[in-house]
N, C-alpha and C. Protein backbone atom coordinates (compact mmCIF):
# COMPACT_ATOMS: atom_id res chain seq x y z
N MET A 1 -190.11 107.28 26.14
CA MET A 1 -188.69 107.26 26.38
C MET A 1 -188.00 107.90 25.17
N ALA A 2 -187.12 108.82 25.42
CA ALA A 2 -186.40 109.48 24.34
C ALA A 2 -185.54 108.47 23.57
N ALA A 3 -185.32 108.73 22.30
CA ALA A 3 -184.57 107.79 21.45
C ALA A 3 -183.19 107.49 22.03
N ARG A 4 -182.49 108.50 22.48
CA ARG A 4 -181.14 108.28 23.03
C ARG A 4 -181.22 107.41 24.29
N LYS A 5 -182.15 107.73 25.16
CA LYS A 5 -182.29 106.97 26.40
C LYS A 5 -182.68 105.52 26.09
N ARG A 6 -183.59 105.32 25.16
CA ARG A 6 -183.99 103.96 24.78
C ARG A 6 -182.79 103.19 24.24
N GLY A 7 -181.99 103.83 23.44
CA GLY A 7 -180.79 103.18 22.91
C GLY A 7 -179.85 102.76 24.03
N ASP A 8 -179.72 103.60 25.04
CA ASP A 8 -178.87 103.27 26.19
C ASP A 8 -179.42 102.04 26.92
N VAL A 9 -180.74 101.98 27.03
CA VAL A 9 -181.37 100.84 27.72
C VAL A 9 -181.14 99.56 26.92
N VAL A 10 -181.27 99.64 25.60
CA VAL A 10 -181.05 98.46 24.76
C VAL A 10 -179.61 97.97 24.92
N VAL A 11 -178.67 98.88 24.91
CA VAL A 11 -177.25 98.51 25.10
C VAL A 11 -177.06 97.86 26.46
N ALA A 12 -177.70 98.39 27.48
CA ALA A 12 -177.58 97.81 28.82
C ALA A 12 -178.14 96.38 28.86
N TYR A 13 -179.29 96.17 28.22
CA TYR A 13 -179.85 94.81 28.14
C TYR A 13 -178.87 93.88 27.44
N ARG A 14 -178.31 94.32 26.32
CA ARG A 14 -177.37 93.48 25.58
C ARG A 14 -176.13 93.17 26.40
N ASN A 15 -175.59 94.16 27.08
CA ASN A 15 -174.42 93.91 27.92
C ASN A 15 -174.74 92.91 29.01
N CYS A 16 -175.89 93.07 29.62
CA CYS A 16 -176.29 92.19 30.71
C CYS A 16 -176.50 90.75 30.22
N PHE A 17 -177.33 90.59 29.20
CA PHE A 17 -177.72 89.24 28.79
C PHE A 17 -176.73 88.57 27.86
N ASN A 18 -175.70 89.26 27.41
CA ASN A 18 -174.65 88.62 26.63
C ASN A 18 -173.51 88.12 27.51
N SER A 19 -173.57 88.40 28.81
CA SER A 19 -172.58 87.85 29.74
C SER A 19 -172.91 86.38 30.01
N LYS A 20 -171.96 85.65 30.55
CA LYS A 20 -172.20 84.24 30.87
C LYS A 20 -173.39 84.08 31.82
N ASP A 21 -173.39 84.84 32.91
CA ASP A 21 -174.50 84.76 33.87
C ASP A 21 -175.80 85.22 33.25
N GLY A 22 -175.73 86.26 32.44
CA GLY A 22 -176.93 86.78 31.78
C GLY A 22 -177.56 85.75 30.86
N LYS A 23 -176.71 85.01 30.13
CA LYS A 23 -177.24 83.96 29.25
C LYS A 23 -177.92 82.87 30.06
N GLU A 24 -177.34 82.53 31.19
CA GLU A 24 -177.95 81.51 32.05
C GLU A 24 -179.30 81.99 32.59
N VAL A 25 -179.37 83.24 33.00
CA VAL A 25 -180.63 83.81 33.49
C VAL A 25 -181.66 83.85 32.37
N LEU A 26 -181.25 84.27 31.18
CA LEU A 26 -182.17 84.34 30.04
C LEU A 26 -182.72 82.95 29.70
N LEU A 27 -181.87 81.94 29.70
CA LEU A 27 -182.35 80.59 29.43
C LEU A 27 -183.36 80.15 30.48
N ASP A 28 -183.09 80.47 31.74
CA ASP A 28 -184.04 80.13 32.80
C ASP A 28 -185.37 80.85 32.59
N LEU A 29 -185.32 82.13 32.24
CA LEU A 29 -186.54 82.89 31.97
C LEU A 29 -187.33 82.27 30.81
N MET A 30 -186.63 81.86 29.77
CA MET A 30 -187.31 81.27 28.62
C MET A 30 -187.97 79.95 29.00
N ARG A 31 -187.30 79.16 29.83
CA ARG A 31 -187.85 77.86 30.22
C ARG A 31 -189.04 78.00 31.17
N THR A 32 -188.99 78.98 32.05
CA THR A 32 -190.01 79.07 33.10
C THR A 32 -191.16 80.03 32.80
N HIS A 33 -191.04 80.81 31.73
CA HIS A 33 -192.08 81.81 31.46
C HIS A 33 -192.73 81.64 30.10
N HIS A 34 -192.93 80.40 29.72
CA HIS A 34 -193.83 80.03 28.62
C HIS A 34 -193.41 80.54 27.24
N ILE A 35 -192.11 80.55 27.01
CA ILE A 35 -191.65 80.98 25.69
C ILE A 35 -191.85 79.87 24.66
N LEU A 36 -191.68 78.64 25.08
CA LEU A 36 -191.80 77.53 24.13
C LEU A 36 -193.03 76.66 24.37
N ASP A 37 -193.86 77.06 25.31
CA ASP A 37 -195.08 76.27 25.54
C ASP A 37 -196.28 77.21 25.62
N SER A 38 -197.43 76.63 25.69
CA SER A 38 -198.67 77.39 25.67
C SER A 38 -198.89 78.15 26.98
N THR A 39 -199.47 79.30 26.86
CA THR A 39 -199.85 80.07 28.05
C THR A 39 -201.28 79.77 28.46
N TYR A 40 -201.99 79.04 27.64
CA TYR A 40 -203.40 78.75 27.89
C TYR A 40 -203.57 77.79 29.05
N LYS A 41 -204.40 78.16 30.02
CA LYS A 41 -204.75 77.31 31.16
C LYS A 41 -206.26 77.10 31.10
N PRO A 42 -206.71 75.90 30.75
CA PRO A 42 -208.15 75.65 30.63
C PRO A 42 -208.91 76.04 31.90
N ASN A 43 -210.02 76.68 31.71
CA ASN A 43 -210.92 77.07 32.80
C ASN A 43 -210.30 78.06 33.80
N ASP A 44 -209.22 78.74 33.41
CA ASP A 44 -208.60 79.70 34.33
C ASP A 44 -208.03 80.86 33.52
N HIS A 45 -208.92 81.79 33.16
CA HIS A 45 -208.47 82.89 32.30
C HIS A 45 -207.52 83.84 33.02
N ILE A 46 -207.62 83.94 34.33
CA ILE A 46 -206.70 84.79 35.09
C ILE A 46 -205.28 84.23 35.00
N GLU A 47 -205.14 82.92 35.15
CA GLU A 47 -203.82 82.29 35.03
C GLU A 47 -203.27 82.43 33.61
N THR A 48 -204.13 82.30 32.62
CA THR A 48 -203.71 82.48 31.22
C THR A 48 -203.18 83.89 31.01
N ILE A 49 -203.87 84.88 31.54
CA ILE A 49 -203.44 86.28 31.42
C ILE A 49 -202.10 86.48 32.12
N ARG A 50 -201.95 85.91 33.31
CA ARG A 50 -200.69 86.03 34.06
C ARG A 50 -199.53 85.44 33.26
N ARG A 51 -199.75 84.25 32.71
CA ARG A 51 -198.70 83.60 31.92
C ARG A 51 -198.34 84.42 30.68
N GLU A 52 -199.33 85.03 30.04
CA GLU A 52 -199.07 85.89 28.87
C GLU A 52 -198.21 87.08 29.27
N GLY A 53 -198.48 87.64 30.43
CA GLY A 53 -197.68 88.76 30.92
C GLY A 53 -196.23 88.36 31.13
N GLU A 54 -196.02 87.19 31.76
CA GLU A 54 -194.66 86.69 31.96
C GLU A 54 -193.96 86.51 30.62
N ARG A 55 -194.66 85.90 29.70
CA ARG A 55 -194.11 85.62 28.37
C ARG A 55 -193.74 86.91 27.65
N ASN A 56 -194.57 87.93 27.75
CA ASN A 56 -194.30 89.19 27.07
C ASN A 56 -193.05 89.88 27.58
N VAL A 57 -192.77 89.76 28.87
CA VAL A 57 -191.55 90.36 29.42
C VAL A 57 -190.32 89.70 28.78
N VAL A 58 -190.33 88.39 28.68
CA VAL A 58 -189.19 87.68 28.09
C VAL A 58 -189.09 87.99 26.59
N LEU A 59 -190.22 88.09 25.92
CA LEU A 59 -190.19 88.44 24.49
C LEU A 59 -189.59 89.83 24.28
N ARG A 60 -189.84 90.74 25.19
CA ARG A 60 -189.25 92.08 25.10
C ARG A 60 -187.72 92.00 25.21
N ILE A 61 -187.24 91.21 26.14
CA ILE A 61 -185.79 91.03 26.29
C ILE A 61 -185.21 90.43 25.01
N LEU A 62 -185.87 89.40 24.48
CA LEU A 62 -185.39 88.76 23.25
C LEU A 62 -185.36 89.75 22.09
N ALA A 63 -186.34 90.63 22.03
CA ALA A 63 -186.37 91.64 20.96
C ALA A 63 -185.18 92.58 21.08
N PHE A 64 -184.85 93.01 22.29
CA PHE A 64 -183.69 93.87 22.49
C PHE A 64 -182.40 93.17 22.06
N LEU A 65 -182.36 91.85 22.22
CA LEU A 65 -181.16 91.07 21.87
C LEU A 65 -181.17 90.61 20.42
N HIS A 66 -182.21 90.98 19.68
CA HIS A 66 -182.38 90.56 18.28
C HIS A 66 -182.41 89.04 18.13
N ILE A 67 -183.05 88.37 19.08
CA ILE A 67 -183.23 86.92 19.01
C ILE A 67 -184.64 86.68 18.51
N LYS A 68 -184.75 85.97 17.40
CA LYS A 68 -186.05 85.70 16.79
C LYS A 68 -186.64 84.42 17.38
N PRO A 69 -187.97 84.37 17.50
CA PRO A 69 -188.61 83.16 18.02
C PRO A 69 -188.19 81.89 17.27
N ALA A 70 -187.94 82.00 15.99
CA ALA A 70 -187.53 80.82 15.21
C ALA A 70 -186.18 80.28 15.66
N ASP A 71 -185.38 81.10 16.32
CA ASP A 71 -184.05 80.68 16.77
C ASP A 71 -184.07 80.01 18.15
N LEU A 72 -185.18 80.07 18.85
CA LEU A 72 -185.21 79.63 20.24
C LEU A 72 -184.96 78.14 20.42
N ASP A 73 -185.55 77.32 19.56
CA ASP A 73 -185.33 75.88 19.68
C ASP A 73 -183.86 75.53 19.59
N SER A 74 -183.15 76.11 18.62
CA SER A 74 -181.74 75.79 18.45
C SER A 74 -180.91 76.32 19.61
N ILE A 75 -181.27 77.48 20.16
CA ILE A 75 -180.55 78.04 21.31
C ILE A 75 -180.69 77.12 22.52
N LEU A 76 -181.91 76.69 22.80
CA LEU A 76 -182.14 75.81 23.95
C LEU A 76 -181.51 74.44 23.74
N LYS A 77 -181.56 73.92 22.53
CA LYS A 77 -180.95 72.63 22.25
C LYS A 77 -179.43 72.70 22.44
N GLU A 78 -178.82 73.76 21.94
CA GLU A 78 -177.39 73.95 22.09
C GLU A 78 -176.99 74.03 23.56
N GLU A 79 -177.77 74.76 24.35
CA GLU A 79 -177.47 74.89 25.77
C GLU A 79 -177.62 73.57 26.51
N SER A 80 -178.65 72.78 26.18
CA SER A 80 -178.84 71.51 26.86
C SER A 80 -177.71 70.54 26.52
N GLU A 81 -177.15 70.64 25.33
CA GLU A 81 -176.01 69.80 24.95
C GLU A 81 -174.75 70.21 25.71
N ASN A 82 -174.64 71.47 26.11
CA ASN A 82 -173.47 71.97 26.81
C ASN A 82 -173.54 71.72 28.31
N GLU A 83 -174.67 71.29 28.82
CA GLU A 83 -174.82 71.09 30.27
C GLU A 83 -174.21 69.79 30.71
């Protein structure tokens, strides 16, 4: 992907996930796609691989938004307090 095009994509991700609905979707993705829990499934390496794939997609989004893994606990805690 060309640098300019990649920059446009990053801006689009930020615009999308910085909206109210986008934040809600991102929180749902983090909760359901193994961002804060293990992807390991004993005796089922196919399921472990699938979970890692899900997790990597969400990590890519977080990278575009400049959200560090160390910040995730506080983000989720803050959101649960606002519910």
